[in-house]
Amino acid sequence: MSGAKHRQLLLAIVATDSTFERTTVRGDPAWVGKCIHCNARLVVGLDGEADGVATIEHIVPRTHGGGDDLSNLAVACARCNALKGKRLDHRRREDPTLSQVIETLRARRLARWRDGA
């Protein structure tokens, strides 16, 4: 995914995640919200540039057919996103642990959902 498309997608996710609020960080306007996994503070610039920690999380992993529709995407810290991938992406789709994590993340994403501005 190109850098511009990645930033545009990240901004679309932020717009539909109620934990993200527009504020000022180190004198610059930005979006500040929470990791879908651990609730760590994440910062995304108004241009969609992540602070180096915020990543795009695919709730249903791409390896299992998960796409880039907003309902399947969330913002996660790099650590949580990498750990989920390492622990779960290689499992079969029917694996109970993978299924539980997907359902938990879907519920969290739905609870945070707001109509994009």
C-alpha atoms as a PDB file:
ATOM      1  CA  MET A   1       0.000   0.000   0.000  1.00  0.00           C
ATOM      2  CA  SER A   2       1.379   3.389  -0.935  1.00  0.00           C
ATOM      3  CA  GLY A   3       2.163   5.915   1.768  1.00  0.00           C
ATOM      4  CA  ALA A   4      -0.609   8.281   0.672  1.00  0.00           C
ATOM      5  CA  LYS A   5      -3.213   5.504   0.571  1.00  0.00           C
ATOM      6  CA  HIS A   6      -2.054   4.216   3.963  1.00  0.00           C
ATOM      7  CA  ARG A   7      -2.402   7.698   5.519  1.00  0.00           C
ATOM      8  CA  GLN A   8      -5.830   8.170   3.926  1.00  0.00           C
ATOM      9  CA  LEU A   9      -7.007   4.802   5.281  1.00  0.00           C
ATOM     10  CA  LEU A  10      -5.639   5.577   8.750  1.00  0.00           C
ATOM     11  CA  LEU A  11      -7.564   8.871   8.775  1.00  0.00           C
ATOM     12  CA  ALA A  12     -10.758   7.076   7.738  1.00  0.00           C
ATOM     13  CA  ILE A  13     -10.346   4.634  10.645  1.00  0.00           C
ATOM     14  CA  VAL A  14      -9.666   7.493  13.067  1.00  0.00           C
ATOM     15  CA  ALA A  15     -12.808   9.292  11.832  1.00  0.00           C
ATOM     16  CA  THR A  16     -14.908   6.250  12.748  1.00  0.00           C
ATOM     17  CA  ASP A  17     -13.278   5.536  16.137  1.00  0.00           C
ATOM     18  CA  SER A  18     -14.848   7.481  19.010  1.00  0.00           C
ATOM     19  CA  THR A  19     -11.712   7.206  21.163  1.00  0.00           C
ATOM     20  CA  PHE A  20      -9.938   9.600  18.798  1.00  0.00           C
ATOM     21  CA  GLU A  21     -10.312  13.296  19.501  1.00  0.00           C
ATOM     22  CA  ARG A  22      -8.722  16.237  17.781  1.00  0.00           C
ATOM     23  CA  THR A  23      -6.286  18.026  20.062  1.00  0.00           C
ATOM     24  CA  THR A  24      -2.820  19.558  20.102  1.00  0.00           C
ATOM     25  CA  VAL A  25       0.307  17.480  20.648  1.00  0.00           C
ATOM     26  CA  ARG A  26       3.655  19.266  21.048  1.00  0.00           C
ATOM     27  CA  GLY A  27       2.103  22.377  19.522  1.00  0.00           C
ATOM     28  CA  ASP A  28       0.706  20.616  16.443  1.00  0.00           C
ATOM     29  CA  PRO A  29      -2.911  19.637  15.795  1.00  0.00           C
ATOM     30  CA  ALA A  30      -3.403  15.868  15.845  1.00  0.00           C
ATOM     31  CA  TRP A  31      -5.819  13.043  16.569  1.00  0.00           C
ATOM     32  CA  VAL A  32      -5.270  11.232  19.882  1.00  0.00           C
ATOM     33  CA  GLY A  33      -7.010   7.947  20.658  1.00  0.00           C
ATOM     34  CA  LYS A  34      -6.500   4.455  22.026  1.00  0.00           C
ATOM     35  CA  CYS A  35      -5.107   1.129  20.848  1.00  0.00           C
ATOM     36  CA  ILE A  36      -7.909  -1.364  20.144  1.00  0.00           C
ATOM     37  CA  HIS A  37      -6.029  -3.953  22.239  1.00  0.00           C
ATOM     38  CA  CYS A  38      -4.382  -2.280  25.234  1.00  0.00           C
ATOM     39  CA  ASN A  39      -5.851   1.248  25.249  1.00  0.00           C
ATOM     40  CA  ALA A  40      -2.382   2.806  24.951  1.00  0.00           C
ATOM     41  CA  ARG A  41      -2.391   6.438  23.799  1.00  0.00           C
ATOM     42  CA  LEU A  42      -1.896   6.767  20.041  1.00  0.00           C
ATOM     43  CA  VAL A  43      -1.277   9.895  17.991  1.00  0.00           C
ATOM     44  CA  VAL A  44      -2.110  10.404  14.323  1.00  0.00           C
ATOM     45  CA  GLY A  45      -1.352  13.678  12.574  1.00  0.00           C
ATOM     46  CA  LEU A  46      -4.081  15.503  10.695  1.00  0.00           C
ATOM     47  CA  ASP A  47      -2.286  14.413   7.511  1.00  0.00           C
ATOM     48  CA  GLY A  48      -2.637  10.734   8.521  1.00  0.00           C
ATOM     49  CA  GLU A  49       0.987  10.349   9.527  1.00  0.00           C
ATOM     50  CA  ALA A  50       1.241   8.012  12.519  1.00  0.00           C
ATOM     51  CA  ASP A  51       3.548   8.859  15.393  1.00  0.00           C
ATOM     52  CA  GLY A  52       5.553   5.709  14.717  1.00  0.00           C
ATOM     53  CA  VAL A  53       3.531   3.645  17.166  1.00  0.00           C
ATOM     54  CA  ALA A  54       0.041   3.671  15.608  1.00  0.00           C
ATOM     55  CA  THR A  55      -0.611   0.952  13.015  1.00  0.00           C
ATOM     56  CA  ILE A  56      -3.579  -0.350  11.058  1.00  0.00           C
ATOM     57  CA  GLU A  57      -4.989  -3.525  12.624  1.00  0.00           C
ATOM     58  CA  HIS A  58      -6.968  -5.972  10.492  1.00  0.00           C
ATOM     59  CA  ILE A  59      -9.495  -7.528  12.860  1.00  0.00           C
ATOM     60  CA  VAL A  60      -9.919 -10.523  10.564  1.00  0.00           C
ATOM     61  CA  PRO A  61      -6.340 -10.994   9.367  1.00  0.00           C
ATOM     62  CA  ARG A  62      -5.666 -10.606   5.660  1.00  0.00           C
ATOM     63  CA  THR A  63      -4.297 -14.160   5.716  1.00  0.00           C
ATOM     64  CA  HIS A  64      -7.865 -15.251   6.516  1.00  0.00           C
ATOM     65  CA  GLY A  65      -9.572 -13.074   3.923  1.00  0.00           C
ATOM     66  CA  GLY A  66      -9.941  -9.906   5.983  1.00  0.00           C
ATOM     67  CA  GLY A  67     -10.183  -6.839   3.796  1.00  0.00           C
ATOM     68  CA  ASP A  68      -9.731  -3.106   4.075  1.00  0.00           C
ATOM     69  CA  ASP A  69     -13.370  -2.225   4.808  1.00  0.00           C
ATOM     70  CA  LEU A  70     -13.593   0.125   7.786  1.00  0.00           C
ATOM     71  CA  SER A  71     -15.540  -2.330   9.929  1.00  0.00           C
ATOM     72  CA  ASN A  72     -12.554  -4.722   9.727  1.00  0.00           C
ATOM     73  CA  LEU A  73      -9.959  -2.092  10.565  1.00  0.00           C
ATOM     74  CA  ALA A  74      -8.859  -0.482  13.808  1.00  0.00           C
ATOM     75  CA  VAL A  75      -5.866   1.440  15.106  1.00  0.00           C
ATOM     76  CA  ALA A  76      -3.455  -0.535  17.265  1.00  0.00           C
ATOM     77  CA  CYS A  77      -0.060   0.127  18.742  1.00  0.00           C
ATOM     78  CA  ALA A  78       2.737  -1.552  16.809  1.00  0.00           C
ATOM     79  CA  ARG A  79       3.533  -3.879  19.706  1.00  0.00           C
ATOM     80  CA  CYS A  80      -0.002  -5.261  20.056  1.00  0.00           C
ATOM     81  CA  ASN A  81      -0.472  -5.560  16.303  1.00  0.00           C
ATOM     82  CA  ALA A  82       2.782  -7.488  15.898  1.00  0.00           C
ATOM     83  CA  LEU A  83       2.050  -9.777  18.841  1.00  0.00           C
ATOM     84  CA  LYS A  84      -1.432 -10.597  17.532  1.00  0.00           C
ATOM     85  CA  GLY A  85       0.002 -11.408  14.127  1.00  0.00           C
ATOM     86  CA  LYS A  86       2.782 -13.539  15.563  1.00  0.00           C
ATOM     87  CA  ARG A  87       0.433 -15.449  17.880  1.00  0.00           C
ATOM     88  CA  LEU A  88      -2.626 -15.860  15.677  1.00  0.00           C
ATOM     89  CA  ASP A  89      -2.270 -15.173  11.961  1.00  0.00           C
ATOM     90  CA  HIS A  90      -0.797 -18.603  11.205  1.00  0.00           C
ATOM     91  CA  ARG A  91      -3.674 -20.480  12.866  1.00  0.00           C
ATOM     92  CA  ARG A  92      -6.548 -22.024  10.946  1.00  0.00           C
ATOM     93  CA  ARG A  93      -9.614 -19.761  10.675  1.00  0.00           C
ATOM     94  CA  GLU A  94     -11.632 -22.244  12.754  1.00  0.00           C
ATOM     95  CA  ASP A  95      -9.148 -22.100  15.639  1.00  0.00           C
ATOM     96  CA  PRO A  96     -11.121 -21.224  18.810  1.00  0.00           C
ATOM     97  CA  THR A  97      -8.485 -18.775  20.106  1.00  0.00           C
ATOM     98  CA  LEU A  98      -8.350 -16.889  16.805  1.00  0.00           C
ATOM     99  CA  SER A  99     -12.156 -16.850  16.601  1.00  0.00           C
ATOM    100  CA  GLN A 100     -12.421 -15.459  20.140  1.00  0.00           C
ATOM    101  CA  VAL A 101      -9.897 -12.693  19.486  1.00  0.00           C
ATOM    102  CA  ILE A 102     -11.706 -11.724  16.267  1.00  0.00           C
ATOM    103  CA  GLU A 103     -15.067 -11.591  18.052  1.00  0.00           C
ATOM    104  CA  THR A 104     -13.610  -9.557  20.929  1.00  0.00           C
ATOM    105  CA  LEU A 105     -12.035  -7.056  18.539  1.00  0.00           C
ATOM    106  CA  ARG A 106     -15.237  -6.819  16.479  1.00  0.00           C
ATOM    107  CA  ALA A 107     -17.201  -6.023  19.635  1.00  0.00           C
ATOM    108  CA  ARG A 108     -14.664  -3.384  20.706  1.00  0.00           C
ATOM    109  CA  ARG A 109     -14.661  -1.798  17.254  1.00  0.00           C
ATOM    110  CA  LEU A 110     -18.454  -1.705  17.193  1.00  0.00           C
ATOM    111  CA  ALA A 111     -18.557  -0.145  20.688  1.00  0.00           C
ATOM    112  CA  ARG A 112     -16.144   2.578  19.513  1.00  0.00           C
ATOM    113  CA  TRP A 113     -17.884   3.158  16.167  1.00  0.00           C
ATOM    114  CA  ARG A 114     -18.967   6.644  15.200  1.00  0.00           C
ATOM    115  CA  ASP A 115     -20.116   7.832  11.834  1.00  0.00           C
ATOM    116  CA  GLY A 116     -17.174   9.385  10.001  1.00  0.00           C
ATOM    117  CA  ALA A 117     -17.049  13.152   9.773  1.00  0.00           C
END
